[in-house]
Amino acid sequence: MQGRASRRYDTRNQKPDAACRTRRLDWGCSVELNDLIGKEVVLDTAGSILYLGRLEAVTPEGFWLSEADVHDRDEGHMNKEHYVVEARRGGICPNRQRVMVMRSVVMSISALEDIVEQ
């Protein structure tokens, strides 16, 4: 990663800085997860909440998304799969500028572009 300065995670403001983007492997992330940085992703949970947004950073605590959509299937008429397919077709409709999703609640992560439309 040439040309990028090394920076650290600022826990005081709970905001990731470039360390989460440039020193990704130092956070124990796999190479595959690093490939998702900067892409639109879907974070699925065991519960009714679904997170969609641009993956900005991965920290030991969790995942930072920007232009994020936090969706609760219990508050809508679509199940998770249908909602994700609609987001793939029409784009993510953000309801948060940024959100930090705790690593402990995430069951799976995938690129939105990898969602199969049926």
C-alpha atoms as a PDB file:
ATOM      1  CA  MET A   1       0.000   0.000   0.000  1.00  0.00           C
ATOM      2  CA  GLN A   2       2.377   2.621  -1.203  1.00  0.00           C
ATOM      3  CA  GLY A   3       1.740   6.308  -0.795  1.00  0.00           C
ATOM      4  CA  ARG A   4      -0.576   6.031   2.197  1.00  0.00           C
ATOM      5  CA  ALA A   5       0.336   7.376   5.594  1.00  0.00           C
ATOM      6  CA  SER A   6      -0.121   5.135   8.606  1.00  0.00           C
ATOM      7  CA  ARG A   7      -2.694   6.479  11.071  1.00  0.00           C
ATOM      8  CA  ARG A   8      -4.461   5.074  14.112  1.00  0.00           C
ATOM      9  CA  TYR A   9      -8.041   4.435  15.210  1.00  0.00           C
ATOM     10  CA  ASP A  10      -9.290   7.354  17.305  1.00  0.00           C
ATOM     11  CA  THR A  11     -11.321   5.824  20.146  1.00  0.00           C
ATOM     12  CA  ARG A  12     -12.083   9.204  21.711  1.00  0.00           C
ATOM     13  CA  ASN A  13     -14.425  10.207  18.911  1.00  0.00           C
ATOM     14  CA  GLN A  14     -15.391   6.655  17.920  1.00  0.00           C
ATOM     15  CA  LYS A  15     -14.470   7.447  14.339  1.00  0.00           C
ATOM     16  CA  PRO A  16     -12.134   5.436  12.191  1.00  0.00           C
ATOM     17  CA  ASP A  17      -9.323   7.264  10.564  1.00  0.00           C
ATOM     18  CA  ALA A  18      -7.117   6.014   7.788  1.00  0.00           C
ATOM     19  CA  ALA A  19      -5.523   3.299   9.954  1.00  0.00           C
ATOM     20  CA  CYS A  20      -8.646   1.225   9.538  1.00  0.00           C
ATOM     21  CA  ARG A  21      -8.337   1.636   5.804  1.00  0.00           C
ATOM     22  CA  THR A  22      -4.567   1.409   5.375  1.00  0.00           C
ATOM     23  CA  ARG A  23      -3.526  -1.065   8.073  1.00  0.00           C
ATOM     24  CA  ARG A  24      -6.449  -3.410   7.617  1.00  0.00           C
ATOM     25  CA  LEU A  25      -4.502  -6.633   8.066  1.00  0.00           C
ATOM     26  CA  ASP A  26      -3.245  -5.372  11.435  1.00  0.00           C
ATOM     27  CA  TRP A  27      -6.837  -5.616  12.682  1.00  0.00           C
ATOM     28  CA  GLY A  28      -6.940  -9.362  12.036  1.00  0.00           C
ATOM     29  CA  CYS A  29      -8.981  -9.101   8.850  1.00  0.00           C
ATOM     30  CA  SER A  30      -8.720 -11.557   6.048  1.00  0.00           C
ATOM     31  CA  VAL A  31      -7.539 -10.497   2.624  1.00  0.00           C
ATOM     32  CA  GLU A  32     -11.054 -11.172   1.311  1.00  0.00           C
ATOM     33  CA  LEU A  33     -12.569  -8.779   3.848  1.00  0.00           C
ATOM     34  CA  ASN A  34     -10.010  -6.156   2.877  1.00  0.00           C
ATOM     35  CA  ASP A  35     -11.254  -6.421  -0.702  1.00  0.00           C
ATOM     36  CA  LEU A  36     -14.662  -5.160   0.455  1.00  0.00           C
ATOM     37  CA  ILE A  37     -13.320  -1.866   1.831  1.00  0.00           C
ATOM     38  CA  GLY A  38     -14.848   0.958  -0.229  1.00  0.00           C
ATOM     39  CA  LYS A  39     -17.592  -1.225  -1.679  1.00  0.00           C
ATOM     40  CA  GLU A  40     -21.306  -1.361  -0.929  1.00  0.00           C
ATOM     41  CA  VAL A  41     -21.915  -4.288   1.415  1.00  0.00           C
ATOM     42  CA  VAL A  42     -24.660  -6.125   3.249  1.00  0.00           C
ATOM     43  CA  LEU A  43     -24.126  -6.991   6.914  1.00  0.00           C
ATOM     44  CA  ASP A  44     -26.613  -9.624   8.024  1.00  0.00           C
ATOM     45  CA  THR A  45     -27.437 -10.309  11.660  1.00  0.00           C
ATOM     46  CA  ALA A  46     -29.111 -13.206  13.447  1.00  0.00           C
ATOM     47  CA  GLY A  47     -31.964 -10.883  14.380  1.00  0.00           C
ATOM     48  CA  SER A  48     -34.294  -8.742  12.334  1.00  0.00           C
ATOM     49  CA  ILE A  49     -31.765  -5.959  11.615  1.00  0.00           C
ATOM     50  CA  LEU A  50     -29.940  -5.680   8.300  1.00  0.00           C
ATOM     51  CA  TYR A  51     -27.202  -3.153   7.506  1.00  0.00           C
ATOM     52  CA  LEU A  52     -26.388  -1.934   4.006  1.00  0.00           C
ATOM     53  CA  GLY A  53     -23.811   0.695   3.112  1.00  0.00           C
ATOM     54  CA  ARG A  54     -20.308   1.469   1.920  1.00  0.00           C
ATOM     55  CA  LEU A  55     -17.732  -0.337   4.069  1.00  0.00           C
ATOM     56  CA  GLU A  56     -15.317   2.360   5.167  1.00  0.00           C
ATOM     57  CA  ALA A  57     -13.330   0.573   7.837  1.00  0.00           C
ATOM     58  CA  VAL A  58     -12.946  -2.592   9.857  1.00  0.00           C
ATOM     59  CA  THR A  59     -11.807  -2.298  13.457  1.00  0.00           C
ATOM     60  CA  PRO A  60     -11.444  -4.813  16.272  1.00  0.00           C
ATOM     61  CA  GLU A  61     -14.843  -3.612  17.520  1.00  0.00           C
ATOM     62  CA  GLY A  62     -16.731  -3.784  14.254  1.00  0.00           C
ATOM     63  CA  PHE A  63     -17.529  -2.355  10.855  1.00  0.00           C
ATOM     64  CA  TRP A  64     -17.936   1.316   9.872  1.00  0.00           C
ATOM     65  CA  LEU A  65     -20.449   1.956   7.105  1.00  0.00           C
ATOM     66  CA  SER A  66     -21.127   5.260   5.381  1.00  0.00           C
ATOM     67  CA  GLU A  67     -24.278   6.201   3.469  1.00  0.00           C
ATOM     68  CA  ALA A  68     -25.895   3.371   5.401  1.00  0.00           C
ATOM     69  CA  ASP A  69     -29.357   1.879   5.498  1.00  0.00           C
ATOM     70  CA  VAL A  70     -30.325   0.265   8.804  1.00  0.00           C
ATOM     71  CA  HIS A  71     -33.360  -1.898   8.069  1.00  0.00           C
ATOM     72  CA  ASP A  72     -35.541  -3.738  10.576  1.00  0.00           C
ATOM     73  CA  ARG A  73     -37.612  -6.364   8.795  1.00  0.00           C
ATOM     74  CA  ASP A  74     -40.119  -6.275  11.665  1.00  0.00           C
ATOM     75  CA  GLU A  75     -40.978  -2.684  10.739  1.00  0.00           C
ATOM     76  CA  GLY A  76     -41.530  -3.302   7.037  1.00  0.00           C
ATOM     77  CA  HIS A  77     -43.331  -5.575   4.656  1.00  0.00           C
ATOM     78  CA  MET A  78     -40.240  -7.197   3.067  1.00  0.00           C
ATOM     79  CA  ASN A  79     -38.114 -10.024   4.390  1.00  0.00           C
ATOM     80  CA  LYS A  80     -34.345  -9.590   4.417  1.00  0.00           C
ATOM     81  CA  GLU A  81     -33.699 -11.377   1.126  1.00  0.00           C
ATOM     82  CA  HIS A  82     -36.279  -9.394  -0.808  1.00  0.00           C
ATOM     83  CA  TYR A  83     -35.044  -6.130   0.711  1.00  0.00           C
ATOM     84  CA  VAL A  84     -31.444  -6.869  -0.300  1.00  0.00           C
ATOM     85  CA  VAL A  85     -32.457  -7.785  -3.851  1.00  0.00           C
ATOM     86  CA  GLU A  86     -34.405  -4.513  -4.118  1.00  0.00           C
ATOM     87  CA  ALA A  87     -31.334  -2.613  -2.875  1.00  0.00           C
ATOM     88  CA  ARG A  88     -29.234  -4.389  -5.493  1.00  0.00           C
ATOM     89  CA  ARG A  89     -31.658  -3.331  -8.220  1.00  0.00           C
ATOM     90  CA  GLY A  90     -32.381   0.223  -7.136  1.00  0.00           C
ATOM     91  CA  GLY A  91     -29.466   1.156  -4.915  1.00  0.00           C
ATOM     92  CA  ILE A  92     -29.153   1.691  -1.191  1.00  0.00           C
ATOM     93  CA  CYS A  93     -31.482   4.297   0.336  1.00  0.00           C
ATOM     94  CA  PRO A  94     -29.409   5.678   3.209  1.00  0.00           C
ATOM     95  CA  ASN A  95     -31.028   6.604   6.501  1.00  0.00           C
ATOM     96  CA  ARG A  96     -27.700   7.126   8.295  1.00  0.00           C
ATOM     97  CA  GLN A  97     -24.648   9.112   7.259  1.00  0.00           C
ATOM     98  CA  ARG A  98     -22.412   6.738   9.213  1.00  0.00           C
ATOM     99  CA  VAL A  99     -22.978   3.781  11.470  1.00  0.00           C
ATOM    100  CA  MET A 100     -20.699   1.481  13.422  1.00  0.00           C
ATOM    101  CA  VAL A 101     -21.898  -2.128  13.516  1.00  0.00           C
ATOM    102  CA  MET A 102     -20.518  -4.230  16.326  1.00  0.00           C
ATOM    103  CA  ARG A 103     -18.584  -7.245  15.089  1.00  0.00           C
ATOM    104  CA  SER A 104     -20.411  -9.465  17.594  1.00  0.00           C
ATOM    105  CA  VAL A 105     -23.802  -8.978  15.891  1.00  0.00           C
ATOM    106  CA  VAL A 106     -22.682  -9.636  12.315  1.00  0.00           C
ATOM    107  CA  MET A 107     -23.425 -13.135  11.019  1.00  0.00           C
ATOM    108  CA  SER A 108     -22.279 -12.549   7.447  1.00  0.00           C
ATOM    109  CA  ILE A 109     -20.937  -9.883   5.135  1.00  0.00           C
ATOM    110  CA  SER A 110     -21.137  -9.762   1.352  1.00  0.00           C
ATOM    111  CA  ALA A 111     -20.697  -7.250  -1.416  1.00  0.00           C
ATOM    112  CA  LEU A 112     -24.015  -5.881  -2.664  1.00  0.00           C
ATOM    113  CA  GLU A 113     -22.829  -6.595  -6.207  1.00  0.00           C
ATOM    114  CA  ASP A 114     -22.608 -10.304  -5.275  1.00  0.00           C
ATOM    115  CA  ILE A 115     -26.315 -10.530  -4.452  1.00  0.00           C
ATOM    116  CA  VAL A 116     -28.082 -12.790  -6.923  1.00  0.00           C
ATOM    117  CA  GLU A 117     -31.328 -11.412  -8.321  1.00  0.00           C
ATOM    118  CA  GLN A 118     -33.971 -14.060  -8.710  1.00  0.00           C
END
